[in-house]
Protein backbone atom coordinates (compact mmCIF):
# COMPACT_ATOMS: atom_id res chain seq x y z
CA MET A 1 37.86 -3.54 34.59
CA ALA A 2 34.81 -6.33 35.30
CA ASN A 3 34.03 -9.48 36.06
CA VAL A 4 33.24 -11.49 32.48
CA ARG A 5 31.83 -14.26 32.50
CA PHE A 6 33.39 -16.49 29.32
CA GLY A 7 31.00 -19.75 29.54
CA THR A 8 32.10 -21.71 32.97
CA ARG A 9 34.87 -19.03 33.68
CA LEU A 10 34.88 -15.78 35.35
CA PHE A 11 37.64 -13.46 34.33
CA ASP A 12 38.51 -9.94 35.95
CA ALA A 13 38.68 -8.61 32.00
CA GLU A 14 39.55 -4.88 31.00
CA LEU A 15 40.23 -5.88 27.27
CA VAL A 16 39.01 -8.84 24.67
CA ILE A 17 40.51 -9.41 21.97
CA PHE A 18 38.54 -11.06 19.19
CA ASP A 19 39.53 -13.45 16.26
CA LYS A 20 37.20 -11.70 13.02
CA ASP A 21 36.55 -15.08 10.58
CA GLY A 22 34.83 -18.21 12.37
CA THR A 23 34.23 -15.98 15.94
CA LEU A 24 32.72 -13.04 15.41
CA THR A 25 31.80 -13.53 11.31
CA ASP A 26 30.12 -16.71 9.54
CA PHE A 27 33.01 -18.17 8.07
CA ALA A 28 30.53 -19.98 5.48
CA THR A 29 29.22 -16.67 4.46
CA SER A 30 32.54 -15.48 3.24
CA TRP A 31 35.45 -17.87 3.26
CA VAL A 32 33.32 -21.17 1.68
CA PRO A 33 31.91 -19.45 -1.32
CA ILE A 34 34.62 -17.08 -2.38
CA PHE A 35 36.98 -20.24 -2.54
CA ASP A 36 34.90 -21.84 -5.12
CA ILE A 37 35.14 -18.84 -7.09
CA ARG A 38 38.70 -18.45 -7.02
CA ILE A 39 39.55 -21.84 -7.99
CA ASP A 40 36.83 -20.87 -11.49
CA LEU A 41 38.79 -18.26 -12.13
CA ILE A 42 42.34 -19.03 -11.39
CA ILE A 43 41.70 -22.14 -13.70
CA GLU A 44 40.78 -19.92 -16.75
CA LYS A 45 43.42 -17.40 -16.00
CA ALA A 46 45.97 -20.23 -16.46
CA GLY A 47 44.24 -21.40 -19.40
CA LEU A 48 43.62 -25.30 -18.19
CA PRO A 49 39.79 -25.93 -18.31
CA GLY A 50 40.68 -29.67 -19.28
CA LEU A 51 42.02 -30.08 -15.91
CA ARG A 52 39.29 -28.82 -14.07
CA ASP A 53 38.00 -31.72 -11.91
CA THR A 54 41.70 -32.22 -11.14
CA LEU A 55 42.52 -28.91 -10.13
CA ARG A 56 39.59 -28.00 -7.79
CA ARG A 57 40.49 -31.31 -6.02
CA GLU A 58 44.03 -30.42 -5.60
CA PHE A 59 43.62 -27.26 -4.56
CA ALA A 60 41.01 -28.33 -2.30
CA ARG A 61 43.41 -30.67 -0.62
CA ALA A 62 46.13 -28.14 -0.47
CA PHE A 63 44.06 -26.30 1.74
CA GLY A 64 42.99 -28.72 3.86
CA ILE A 65 39.18 -28.97 2.57
CA ASP A 66 37.40 -32.05 1.64
CA GLY A 67 33.90 -31.13 1.20
CA ALA A 68 32.21 -28.76 4.24
CA LYS A 69 34.86 -30.05 6.17
CA VAL A 70 37.94 -27.63 6.99
CA ASP A 71 41.14 -29.27 8.34
CA PRO A 72 41.87 -27.09 11.66
CA PHE A 73 45.46 -27.73 11.46
CA GLY A 74 45.15 -26.95 7.49
CA PRO A 75 45.94 -23.43 5.94
CA TYR A 76 42.42 -22.34 4.65
CA PRO A 77 41.22 -20.99 8.19
CA TYR A 78 44.37 -18.87 8.56
CA THR A 79 46.26 -18.16 5.53
CA ALA A 80 46.46 -14.37 4.32
CA PRO A 81 45.81 -13.68 0.63
CA TRP A 82 49.42 -13.62 -0.50
CA GLU A 83 49.76 -17.12 1.27
CA ASP A 84 46.50 -18.31 -0.74
CA GLU A 85 48.37 -17.23 -3.73
CA VAL A 86 51.46 -19.57 -3.27
CA ILE A 87 49.35 -22.31 -2.57
CA PHE A 88 47.64 -21.77 -5.55
CA SER A 89 50.17 -21.33 -7.78
CA THR A 90 52.15 -24.31 -6.03
CA VAL A 91 49.37 -27.07 -7.48
CA LEU A 92 49.14 -25.16 -11.18
CA TYR A 93 53.16 -25.51 -11.37
CA ARG A 94 52.66 -29.19 -10.44
CA HIS A 95 50.57 -29.29 -13.64
CA GLY A 96 53.28 -27.85 -15.74
CA THR A 97 52.36 -23.83 -15.63
CA PRO A 98 55.55 -22.11 -15.10
CA TRP A 99 56.10 -20.39 -11.99
CA HIS A 100 55.56 -16.80 -12.49
CA GLU A 101 52.63 -18.10 -15.11
CA ALA A 102 51.29 -19.55 -12.34
CA LYS A 103 51.54 -16.78 -9.56
CA ALA A 104 50.12 -14.36 -11.99
CA ALA A 105 47.32 -16.85 -12.69
CA ALA A 106 46.70 -16.98 -8.93
CA HIS A 107 47.21 -13.37 -8.01
CA ALA A 108 45.04 -12.04 -10.51
CA GLY A 109 42.01 -14.68 -9.85
CA ILE A 110 42.01 -13.99 -5.89
CA GLU A 111 41.84 -9.78 -6.73
CA GLU A 112 38.86 -10.76 -9.36
CA ALA A 113 37.18 -12.97 -7.04
CA GLU A 114 37.41 -10.00 -4.25
CA ARG A 115 35.23 -7.74 -6.73
CA LEU A 116 32.87 -10.03 -7.75
CA PHE A 117 31.99 -11.55 -4.32
CA ASP A 118 32.12 -9.02 -2.00
CA ARG A 119 32.70 -10.27 1.05
CA THR A 120 32.41 -6.53 2.91
CA ARG A 121 28.78 -6.94 2.07
CA SER A 122 28.58 -10.48 1.72
CA THR A 123 29.77 -11.30 5.63
CA ARG A 124 27.34 -11.96 8.26
CA LEU A 125 27.79 -11.71 11.89
CA TYR A 126 27.09 -14.83 14.10
CA PRO A 127 23.43 -14.43 16.03
CA GLY A 128 24.12 -12.48 19.01
CA VAL A 129 27.71 -11.24 18.56
CA LYS A 130 26.20 -7.66 17.92
CA GLU A 131 24.24 -7.56 20.93
CA THR A 132 27.41 -9.09 22.92
CA VAL A 133 29.97 -6.59 21.64
CA LEU A 134 28.36 -3.76 22.49
CA ARG A 135 27.29 -4.78 26.01
CA LEU A 136 30.96 -5.06 26.74
CA LYS A 137 31.39 -1.79 25.56
CA GLU A 138 28.59 -0.79 27.85
CA ARG A 139 29.81 -1.95 30.66
CA GLY A 140 33.35 -0.09 30.22
CA LEU A 141 35.52 -3.10 28.64
CA LEU A 142 37.62 -2.58 25.78
CA VAL A 143 37.30 -4.75 22.64
CA SER A 144 39.44 -5.04 19.93
CA VAL A 145 39.76 -7.62 16.71
CA ALA A 146 43.13 -9.71 15.87
CA THR A 147 42.27 -11.01 12.33
CA ALA A 148 44.31 -12.81 9.31
CA ASP A 149 42.64 -10.90 6.66
CA ILE A 150 43.72 -7.70 5.34
CA LEU A 151 42.44 -4.08 6.67
CA PRO A 152 41.05 -2.94 3.32
CA ILE A 153 38.66 -6.03 3.72
CA THR A 154 38.23 -5.98 7.46
CA GLY A 155 37.36 -2.21 7.85
CA PRO A 156 34.62 -1.96 5.02
CA THR A 157 33.34 -5.96 6.52
CA LEU A 158 32.79 -4.33 10.07
CA LYS A 159 31.50 -0.80 8.85
CA ASN A 160 28.66 -2.84 7.27
CA LEU A 161 28.05 -4.98 9.49
CA GLY A 162 27.34 -1.78 12.35
CA LEU A 163 30.70 -2.70 14.48
CA TYR A 164 33.27 -0.87 13.16
CA GLU A 165 33.38 2.24 15.46
CA ALA A 166 32.56 -0.49 18.76
CA PHE A 167 36.06 -2.01 18.32
CA ASP A 168 38.75 0.38 20.18
CA PHE A 169 41.69 -1.35 17.74
CA ILE A 170 41.62 -3.33 14.76
CA VAL A 171 44.95 -5.30 13.23
CA CYS A 172 45.13 -7.29 10.81
CA ALA A 173 47.82 -9.47 8.67
CA ASP A 174 49.28 -6.70 6.50
CA MET A 175 49.64 -4.66 9.74
CA VAL A 176 52.33 -6.80 11.12
CA GLN A 177 55.33 -8.50 10.31
CA ASN A 178 54.69 -11.92 11.58
CA GLU A 179 51.28 -13.51 11.33
CA LYS A 180 49.14 -15.56 13.83
CA PRO A 181 50.03 -17.45 15.75
CA HIS A 182 53.42 -15.28 16.50
CA PRO A 183 52.13 -13.02 19.15
CA GLU A 184 52.97 -9.60 17.75
CA MET A 185 49.08 -9.02 17.05
CA ILE A 186 48.25 -8.88 20.79
CA GLU A 187 51.40 -7.19 21.70
CA LYS A 188 50.41 -4.77 19.18
CA THR A 189 46.96 -4.28 20.81
CA LEU A 190 48.24 -4.34 24.06
CA GLU A 191 50.24 -1.46 23.42
CA ALA A 192 48.28 0.60 21.47
CA LEU A 193 45.68 0.36 24.02
CA GLY A 194 47.80 0.59 27.37
CA VAL A 195 46.90 -2.55 28.75
CA GLY A 196 48.45 -5.27 31.15
CA ARG A 197 48.41 -9.01 29.23
CA GLU A 198 47.09 -10.35 32.74
CA ARG A 199 43.91 -8.32 32.29
CA ALA A 200 43.72 -8.96 28.82
CA ALA A 201 41.39 -12.29 27.04
CA MET A 202 41.92 -13.81 23.61
CA VAL A 203 38.82 -15.49 22.16
CA GLY A 204 39.37 -17.60 18.54
CA ASP A 205 38.14 -20.15 16.96
CA SER A 206 41.39 -21.66 15.78
CA VAL A 207 44.41 -23.36 16.77
CA VAL A 208 46.47 -20.48 16.01
CA ASP A 209 44.33 -17.93 17.88
CA MET A 210 44.87 -20.05 21.25
CA GLU A 211 48.74 -20.65 20.47
CA MET A 212 48.96 -17.00 19.67
CA GLY A 213 46.98 -15.95 22.81
CA LYS A 214 49.36 -18.52 25.21
CA ARG A 215 52.59 -16.95 23.59
CA ALA A 216 51.33 -13.73 24.43
CA GLY A 217 50.91 -14.96 27.91
CA LEU A 218 47.43 -13.66 28.48
CA GLY A 219 45.29 -13.66 31.20
CA LEU A 220 42.31 -16.04 29.20
CA VAL A 221 42.72 -17.96 26.37
CA VAL A 222 38.74 -18.78 24.94
CA GLY A 223 38.42 -21.12 22.32
CA VAL A 224 34.88 -20.99 20.27
CA LEU A 225 32.92 -23.99 18.35
CA GLU A 226 30.47 -22.14 16.76
CA SER A 227 32.56 -22.49 13.37
CA GLY A 228 32.50 -26.04 13.61
CA ILE A 229 36.14 -25.77 12.11
CA ALA A 230 38.21 -27.08 15.31
CA ASN A 231 36.46 -29.08 18.57
CA GLU A 232 36.56 -29.18 22.16
CA LYS A 233 39.31 -31.42 22.22
CA ILE A 234 41.58 -29.47 19.72
CA LEU A 235 40.76 -26.22 20.94
CA SER A 236 41.56 -27.25 25.17
CA LYS A 237 45.13 -28.08 24.04
CA ASN A 238 45.88 -24.53 24.68
CA ALA A 239 42.36 -22.75 25.64
CA ASP A 240 41.78 -22.06 29.13
CA VAL A 241 38.14 -22.41 28.63
CA VAL A 242 36.26 -23.29 26.06
CA ILE A 243 32.56 -22.09 24.97
CA GLY A 244 29.86 -22.60 22.35
CA SER A 245 29.74 -18.90 20.99
CA VAL A 246 30.53 -15.24 21.53
CA ARG A 247 26.98 -15.13 23.06
CA ASP A 248 28.62 -16.99 25.80
CA ILE A 249 30.20 -14.29 26.81
CA THR A 250 28.26 -12.24 29.74
CA VAL A 251 29.44 -9.19 32.29
CA GLU A 252 28.37 -9.79 35.83
CA GLY A 253 27.51 -7.57 38.19
C-alpha cells in the first residue's frame, strides 16, 4: 500500500482501477473517427444511400452526439458493440428496413469498420499516462483496467501502446454478465487480485464509471476531465475527487 495523491486527495491505496477510453486513451483518436466510418458502411449495407444525410443526423442524435459534443448521459461513451448494433438497427427500422435486415446491416457495418479503421493501432494515450501507470507499478501499486470495450480490441490496443504487461488485471464488457455501472467488473477485479474494496480507487471519465465505483463501495472514486465528455459538476455527483488528467496522480513518500 502507498499514499497516492489524486489531485487534492491523498489516499492509502493498494489498487488503482482505470477506465480505458477517455481516461487512459484519447477518445478522439478512436471512437470519434470510427463513428463516421460505421455510419457510411451501415447506410451502404442497408441500401439507403438516398437517406444518407437524414440517417447521419438520426444516428448521431440516437447516440447522443451533436457535432463535436458527446452527451455525458447518452449511450456513445458507454455502449458495447452489441448495444451499438441495436441503436443503429432501431434507426434503420424506423426508416422502413425490416428488423432482421437492419440488424444484419448494423452488425456487418460495425465489424467492417473495425477492419478498415484499426482502433488497436489508431488509439493514442493521453500525454503522461504511460509514465503515470508505470510509476504506480514501480511504487508497488496494483493497477487494472475496467472497460466497456471488448477484449479482442482492448488487449491488442494496450499491447501496441506498450502498457499491456503493466496491468495486473483487465476486465472488459465481453467478460462479464453485467456492464457498467453494475459493479461486477470491480467485484471481478477485487476477487482476482485479492484486494479489499477500501484500498481500491476507481478512476474514470464518465458518470457510469463514478456510479460503478460507488456501487462497489470502493475507498475512492476519481473523476477525470481530460476527455471533455463530462464536466466537474456532473462527475462530482458521485466522485470523491475530480482531477484534470491521469497525470495528476502521484505517489508520495
